Amino acid sequence: MVSIRCKNVVREELKKLGIHFIIVDMGVVDIMENITDEQREQIRIALLRSGLELMDDKNALLIEKIKI
């Protein structure tokens, strides 16, 4: 149930920001265009408000996948 909630939160926040995307997997989103640093920060803040974290560092992503 948690994963569905997380996907819905991410989906809604990206829609609010007008960012085109495809949710690939739990915790992975493919953004269909280049985004600015400002947009990245807006995404990060929106996710934090919902209790989620933006992980865009490849090493951090690998560590998280290993944990799971």
PDB file of N, CA and C in Angstrom:
ATOM      1  N   MET A   1       0.807  -1.204   0.000  1.00  0.00           N
ATOM      2  CA  MET A   1       0.000   0.000   0.000  1.00  0.00           C
ATOM      3  C   MET A   1       0.851   1.271   0.000  1.00  0.00           C
ATOM      4  N   VAL A   2       1.978   1.228   0.704  1.00  0.00           N
ATOM      5  CA  VAL A   2       2.830   2.407   0.783  1.00  0.00           C
ATOM      6  C   VAL A   2       3.357   2.797  -0.596  1.00  0.00           C
ATOM      7  N   SER A   3       3.761   1.808  -1.388  1.00  0.00           N
ATOM      8  CA  SER A   3       4.337   2.127  -2.690  1.00  0.00           C
ATOM      9  C   SER A   3       3.328   2.810  -3.605  1.00  0.00           C
ATOM     10  N   ILE A   4       2.064   2.414  -3.524  1.00  0.00           N
ATOM     11  CA  ILE A   4       1.034   3.063  -4.336  1.00  0.00           C
ATOM     12  C   ILE A   4       0.863   4.506  -3.900  1.00  0.00           C
ATOM     13  N   ARG A   5       0.860   4.755  -2.585  1.00  0.00           N
ATOM     14  CA  ARG A   5       0.738   6.117  -2.075  1.00  0.00           C
ATOM     15  C   ARG A   5       1.906   6.973  -2.559  1.00  0.00           C
ATOM     16  N   CYS A   6       3.123   6.422  -2.467  1.00  0.00           N
ATOM     17  CA  CYS A   6       4.310   7.162  -2.888  1.00  0.00           C
ATOM     18  C   CYS A   6       4.234   7.517  -4.370  1.00  0.00           C
ATOM     19  N   LYS A   7       3.856   6.552  -5.182  1.00  0.00           N
ATOM     20  CA  LYS A   7       3.738   6.806  -6.616  1.00  0.00           C
ATOM     21  C   LYS A   7       2.706   7.886  -6.885  1.00  0.00           C
ATOM     22  N   ASN A   8       1.587   7.849  -6.174  1.00  0.00           N
ATOM     23  CA  ASN A   8       0.542   8.851  -6.372  1.00  0.00           C
ATOM     24  C   ASN A   8       1.016  10.238  -5.957  1.00  0.00           C
ATOM     25  N   VAL A   9       1.743  10.319  -4.856  1.00  0.00           N
ATOM     26  CA  VAL A   9       2.266  11.605  -4.394  1.00  0.00           C
ATOM     27  C   VAL A   9       3.224  12.176  -5.432  1.00  0.00           C
ATOM     28  N   VAL A  10       4.144  11.361  -5.896  1.00  0.00           N
ATOM     29  CA  VAL A  10       5.120  11.813  -6.891  1.00  0.00           C
ATOM     30  C   VAL A  10       4.401  12.255  -8.164  1.00  0.00           C
ATOM     31  N   ARG A  11       3.458  11.447  -8.614  1.00  0.00           N
ATOM     32  CA  ARG A  11       2.695  11.755  -9.821  1.00  0.00           C
ATOM     33  C   ARG A  11       1.995  13.119  -9.689  1.00  0.00           C
ATOM     34  N   GLU A  12       1.320  13.333  -8.570  1.00  0.00           N
ATOM     35  CA  GLU A  12       0.573  14.582  -8.373  1.00  0.00           C
ATOM     36  C   GLU A  12       1.492  15.796  -8.275  1.00  0.00           C
ATOM     37  N   GLU A  13       2.598  15.654  -7.575  1.00  0.00           N
ATOM     38  CA  GLU A  13       3.523  16.788  -7.432  1.00  0.00           C
ATOM     39  C   GLU A  13       4.137  17.173  -8.776  1.00  0.00           C
ATOM     40  N   LEU A  14       4.510  16.186  -9.578  1.00  0.00           N
ATOM     41  CA  LEU A  14       5.081  16.493 -10.892  1.00  0.00           C
ATOM     42  C   LEU A  14       4.031  17.120 -11.809  1.00  0.00           C
ATOM     43  N   LYS A  15       2.803  16.656 -11.722  1.00  0.00           N
ATOM     44  CA  LYS A  15       1.719  17.258 -12.524  1.00  0.00           C
ATOM     45  C   LYS A  15       1.515  18.715 -12.135  1.00  0.00           C
ATOM     46  N   LYS A  16       1.522  18.988 -10.831  1.00  0.00           N
ATOM     47  CA  LYS A  16       1.353  20.372 -10.351  1.00  0.00           C
ATOM     48  C   LYS A  16       2.426  21.290 -10.924  1.00  0.00           C
ATOM     49  N   LEU A  17       3.628  20.749 -11.065  1.00  0.00           N
ATOM     50  CA  LEU A  17       4.750  21.547 -11.573  1.00  0.00           C
ATOM     51  C   LEU A  17       4.803  21.576 -13.097  1.00  0.00           C
ATOM     52  N   GLY A  18       3.905  20.833 -13.750  1.00  0.00           N
ATOM     53  CA  GLY A  18       3.862  20.828 -15.214  1.00  0.00           C
ATOM     54  C   GLY A  18       5.012  20.069 -15.848  1.00  0.00           C
ATOM     55  N   ILE A  19       5.525  19.081 -15.154  1.00  0.00           N
ATOM     56  CA  ILE A  19       6.655  18.308 -15.651  1.00  0.00           C
ATOM     57  C   ILE A  19       6.147  16.995 -16.231  1.00  0.00           C
ATOM     58  N   HIS A  20       6.538  16.698 -17.462  1.00  0.00           N
ATOM     59  CA  HIS A  20       6.116  15.468 -18.142  1.00  0.00           C
ATOM     60  C   HIS A  20       7.029  14.325 -17.714  1.00  0.00           C
ATOM     61  N   PHE A  21       6.432  13.180 -17.394  1.00  0.00           N
ATOM     62  CA  PHE A  21       7.194  12.096 -16.794  1.00  0.00           C
ATOM     63  C   PHE A  21       6.551  10.745 -17.071  1.00  0.00           C
ATOM     64  N   ILE A  22       7.332   9.705 -16.779  1.00  0.00           N
ATOM     65  CA  ILE A  22       6.852   8.331 -16.780  1.00  0.00           C
ATOM     66  C   ILE A  22       7.371   7.707 -15.484  1.00  0.00           C
ATOM     67  N   ILE A  23       6.478   7.118 -14.700  1.00  0.00           N
ATOM     68  CA  ILE A  23       6.931   6.407 -13.503  1.00  0.00           C
ATOM     69  C   ILE A  23       7.369   5.027 -13.962  1.00  0.00           C
ATOM     70  N   VAL A  24       8.655   4.774 -13.817  1.00  0.00           N
ATOM     71  CA  VAL A  24       9.250   3.546 -14.314  1.00  0.00           C
ATOM     72  C   VAL A  24       9.090   2.427 -13.295  1.00  0.00           C
ATOM     73  N   ASP A  25       9.368   2.723 -12.053  1.00  0.00           N
ATOM     74  CA  ASP A  25       9.345   1.719 -11.003  1.00  0.00           C
ATOM     75  C   ASP A  25       9.233   2.458  -9.680  1.00  0.00           C
ATOM     76  N   MET A  26       9.057   1.704  -8.614  1.00  0.00           N
ATOM     77  CA  MET A  26       9.016   2.308  -7.289  1.00  0.00           C
ATOM     78  C   MET A  26      10.298   3.094  -7.062  1.00  0.00           C
ATOM     79  N   GLY A  27      10.161   4.382  -6.861  1.00  0.00           N
ATOM     80  CA  GLY A  27      11.312   5.222  -6.594  1.00  0.00           C
ATOM     81  C   GLY A  27      12.069   5.691  -7.819  1.00  0.00           C
ATOM     82  N   VAL A  28      11.570   5.364  -9.014  1.00  0.00           N
ATOM     83  CA  VAL A  28      12.268   5.770 -10.238  1.00  0.00           C
ATOM     84  C   VAL A  28      11.281   6.465 -11.170  1.00  0.00           C
ATOM     85  N   VAL A  29      11.646   7.676 -11.563  1.00  0.00           N
ATOM     86  CA  VAL A  29      10.817   8.459 -12.474  1.00  0.00           C
ATOM     87  C   VAL A  29      11.678   8.900 -13.644  1.00  0.00           C
ATOM     88  N   ASP A  30      11.158   8.741 -14.837  1.00  0.00           N
ATOM     89  CA  ASP A  30      11.840   9.204 -16.041  1.00  0.00           C
ATOM     90  C   ASP A  30      11.187  10.510 -16.465  1.00  0.00           C
ATOM     91  N   ILE A  31      11.923  11.606 -16.326  1.00  0.00           N
ATOM     92  CA  ILE A  31      11.415  12.923 -16.730  1.00  0.00           C
ATOM     93  C   ILE A  31      11.721  13.097 -18.203  1.00  0.00           C
ATOM     94  N   MET A  32      10.701  13.479 -18.956  1.00  0.00           N
ATOM     95  CA  MET A  32      10.773  13.443 -20.409  1.00  0.00           C
ATOM     96  C   MET A  32      11.431  14.666 -21.040  1.00  0.00           C
ATOM     97  N   GLU A  33      11.795  15.651 -20.246  1.00  0.00           N
ATOM     98  CA  GLU A  33      12.497  16.814 -20.789  1.00  0.00           C
ATOM     99  C   GLU A  33      13.574  17.238 -19.796  1.00  0.00           C
ATOM    100  N   ASN A  34      14.459  18.094 -20.242  1.00  0.00           N
ATOM    101  CA  ASN A  34      15.463  18.640 -19.333  1.00  0.00           C
ATOM    102  C   ASN A  34      14.767  19.603 -18.377  1.00  0.00           C
ATOM    103  N   ILE A  35      15.165  19.545 -17.113  1.00  0.00           N
ATOM    104  CA  ILE A  35      14.592  20.469 -16.142  1.00  0.00           C
ATOM    105  C   ILE A  35      15.685  21.387 -15.614  1.00  0.00           C
ATOM    106  N   THR A  36      15.272  22.546 -15.160  1.00  0.00           N
ATOM    107  CA  THR A  36      16.210  23.524 -14.624  1.00  0.00           C
ATOM    108  C   THR A  36      16.554  23.168 -13.179  1.00  0.00           C
ATOM    109  N   ASP A  37      17.583  23.813 -12.672  1.00  0.00           N
ATOM    110  CA  ASP A  37      17.938  23.624 -11.265  1.00  0.00           C
ATOM    111  C   ASP A  37      16.790  24.087 -10.376  1.00  0.00           C
ATOM    112  N   GLU A  38      16.099  25.141 -10.791  1.00  0.00           N
ATOM    113  CA  GLU A  38      14.960  25.650 -10.024  1.00  0.00           C
ATOM    114  C   GLU A  38      13.832  24.609  -9.972  1.00  0.00           C
ATOM    115  N   GLN A  39      13.543  23.971 -11.097  1.00  0.00           N
ATOM    116  CA  GLN A  39      12.516  22.932 -11.122  1.00  0.00           C
ATOM    117  C   GLN A  39      12.918  21.741 -10.244  1.00  0.00           C
ATOM    118  N   ARG A  40      14.172  21.370 -10.302  1.00  0.00           N
ATOM    119  CA  ARG A  40      14.674  20.269  -9.472  1.00  0.00           C
ATOM    120  C   ARG A  40      14.469  20.601  -7.993  1.00  0.00           C
ATOM    121  N   GLU A  41      14.758  21.832  -7.619  1.00  0.00           N
ATOM    122  CA  GLU A  41      14.578  22.263  -6.233  1.00  0.00           C
ATOM    123  C   GLU A  41      13.091  22.265  -5.856  1.00  0.00           C
ATOM    124  N   GLN A  42      12.225  22.687  -6.771  1.00  0.00           N
ATOM    125  CA  GLN A  42      10.784  22.661  -6.515  1.00  0.00           C
ATOM    126  C   GLN A  42      10.304  21.227  -6.283  1.00  0.00           C
ATOM    127  N   ILE A  43      10.806  20.302  -7.076  1.00  0.00           N
ATOM    128  CA  ILE A  43      10.455  18.889  -6.902  1.00  0.00           C
ATOM    129  C   ILE A  43      10.932  18.403  -5.533  1.00  0.00           C
ATOM    130  N   ARG A  44      12.173  18.725  -5.199  1.00  0.00           N
ATOM    131  CA  ARG A  44      12.750  18.294  -3.921  1.00  0.00           C
ATOM    132  C   ARG A  44      11.907  18.794  -2.749  1.00  0.00           C
ATOM    133  N   ILE A  45      11.529  20.065  -2.780  1.00  0.00           N
ATOM    134  CA  ILE A  45      10.737  20.658  -1.697  1.00  0.00           C
ATOM    135  C   ILE A  45       9.352  20.018  -1.623  1.00  0.00           C
ATOM    136  N   ALA A  46       8.711  19.834  -2.772  1.00  0.00           N
ATOM    137  CA  ALA A  46       7.377  19.227  -2.806  1.00  0.00           C
ATOM    138  C   ALA A  46       7.401  17.813  -2.232  1.00  0.00           C
ATOM    139  N   LEU A  47       8.418  17.050  -2.574  1.00  0.00           N
ATOM    140  CA  LEU A  47       8.522  15.689  -2.067  1.00  0.00           C
ATOM    141  C   LEU A  47       8.804  15.676  -0.563  1.00  0.00           C
ATOM    142  N   LEU A  48       9.650  16.578  -0.117  1.00  0.00           N
ATOM    143  CA  LEU A  48       9.943  16.653   1.318  1.00  0.00           C
ATOM    144  C   LEU A  48       8.683  16.938   2.130  1.00  0.00           C
ATOM    145  N   ARG A  49       7.837  17.829   1.616  1.00  0.00           N
ATOM    146  CA  ARG A  49       6.582  18.147   2.301  1.00  0.00           C
ATOM    147  C   ARG A  49       5.707  16.903   2.459  1.00  0.00           C
ATOM    148  N   SER A  50       5.852  15.965   1.558  1.00  0.00           N
ATOM    149  CA  SER A  50       5.055  14.741   1.594  1.00  0.00           C
ATOM    150  C   SER A  50       5.788  13.597   2.293  1.00  0.00           C
ATOM    151  N   GLY A  51       6.947  13.892   2.854  1.00  0.00           N
ATOM    152  CA  GLY A  51       7.701  12.870   3.566  1.00  0.00           C
ATOM    153  C   GLY A  51       8.561  11.998   2.672  1.00  0.00           C
ATOM    154  N   LEU A  52       8.791  12.453   1.441  1.00  0.00           N
ATOM    155  CA  LEU A  52       9.617  11.708   0.496  1.00  0.00           C
ATOM    156  C   LEU A  52      10.910  12.466   0.238  1.00  0.00           C
ATOM    157  N   GLU A  53      11.848  11.799  -0.390  1.00  0.00           N
ATOM    158  CA  GLU A  53      13.155  12.408  -0.631  1.00  0.00           C
ATOM    159  C   GLU A  53      13.539  12.254  -2.101  1.00  0.00           C
ATOM    160  N   LEU A  54      14.057  13.324  -2.678  1.00  0.00           N
ATOM    161  CA  LEU A  54      14.574  13.277  -4.040  1.00  0.00           C
ATOM    162  C   LEU A  54      15.995  12.738  -3.981  1.00  0.00           C
ATOM    163  N   MET A  55      16.212  11.647  -4.672  1.00  0.00           N
ATOM    164  CA  MET A  55      17.543  11.054  -4.710  1.00  0.00           C
ATOM    165  C   MET A  55      18.026  11.092  -6.146  1.00  0.00           C
ATOM    166  N   ASP A  56      18.867  12.057  -6.459  1.00  0.00           N
ATOM    167  CA  ASP A  56      19.354  12.171  -7.830  1.00  0.00           C
ATOM    168  C   ASP A  56      20.852  11.906  -7.941  1.00  0.00           C
ATOM    169  N   ASP A  57      21.450  11.493  -6.851  1.00  0.00           N
ATOM    170  CA  ASP A  57      22.863  11.117  -6.846  1.00  0.00           C
ATOM    171  C   ASP A  57      22.958   9.622  -7.151  1.00  0.00           C
ATOM    172  N   LYS A  58      23.697   9.249  -8.178  1.00  0.00           N
ATOM    173  CA  LYS A  58      23.768   7.851  -8.606  1.00  0.00           C
ATOM    174  C   LYS A  58      24.276   6.934  -7.496  1.00  0.00           C
ATOM    175  N   ASN A  59      25.240   7.395  -6.702  1.00  0.00           N
ATOM    176  CA  ASN A  59      25.743   6.563  -5.608  1.00  0.00           C
ATOM    177  C   ASN A  59      24.671   6.347  -4.548  1.00  0.00           C
ATOM    178  N   ALA A  60      23.921   7.405  -4.220  1.00  0.00           N
ATOM    179  CA  ALA A  60      22.852   7.281  -3.229  1.00  0.00           C
ATOM    180  C   ALA A  60      21.764   6.340  -3.732  1.00  0.00           C
ATOM    181  N   LEU A  61      21.472   6.397  -5.030  1.00  0.00           N
ATOM    182  CA  LEU A  61      20.468   5.512  -5.603  1.00  0.00           C
ATOM    183  C   LEU A  61      20.915   4.056  -5.519  1.00  0.00           C
ATOM    184  N   LEU A  62      22.167   3.803  -5.813  1.00  0.00           N
ATOM    185  CA  LEU A  62      22.693   2.454  -5.732  1.00  0.00           C
ATOM    186  C   LEU A  62      22.627   1.925  -4.311  1.00  0.00           C
ATOM    187  N   ILE A  63      22.998   2.737  -3.348  1.00  0.00           N
ATOM    188  CA  ILE A  63      22.951   2.338  -1.939  1.00  0.00           C
ATOM    189  C   ILE A  63      21.508   2.019  -1.549  1.00  0.00           C
ATOM    190  N   GLU A  64      20.562   2.839  -1.961  1.00  0.00           N
ATOM    191  CA  GLU A  64      19.155   2.613  -1.638  1.00  0.00           C
ATOM    192  C   GLU A  64      18.651   1.306  -2.260  1.00  0.00           C
ATOM    193  N   LYS A  65      19.049   1.022  -3.492  1.00  0.00           N
ATOM    194  CA  LYS A  65      18.640  -0.233  -4.141  1.00  0.00           C
ATOM    195  C   LYS A  65      19.220  -1.431  -3.408  1.00  0.00           C
ATOM    196  N   ILE A  66      20.454  -1.317  -2.943  1.00  0.00           N
ATOM    197  CA  ILE A  66      21.081  -2.407  -2.197  1.00  0.00           C
ATOM    198  C   ILE A  66      20.325  -2.639  -0.884  1.00  0.00           C
ATOM    199  N   LYS A  67      19.906  -1.570  -0.223  1.00  0.00           N
ATOM    200  CA  LYS A  67      19.161  -1.702   1.017  1.00  0.00           C
ATOM    201  C   LYS A  67      17.853  -2.450   0.801  1.00  0.00           C
ATOM    202  N   ILE A  68      17.181  -2.126  -0.285  1.00  0.00           N
ATOM    203  CA  ILE A  68      15.890  -2.740  -0.588  1.00  0.00           C
ATOM    204  C   ILE A  68      16.097  -4.182  -0.974  1.00  0.00           C
TER     205      ILE A  68
END
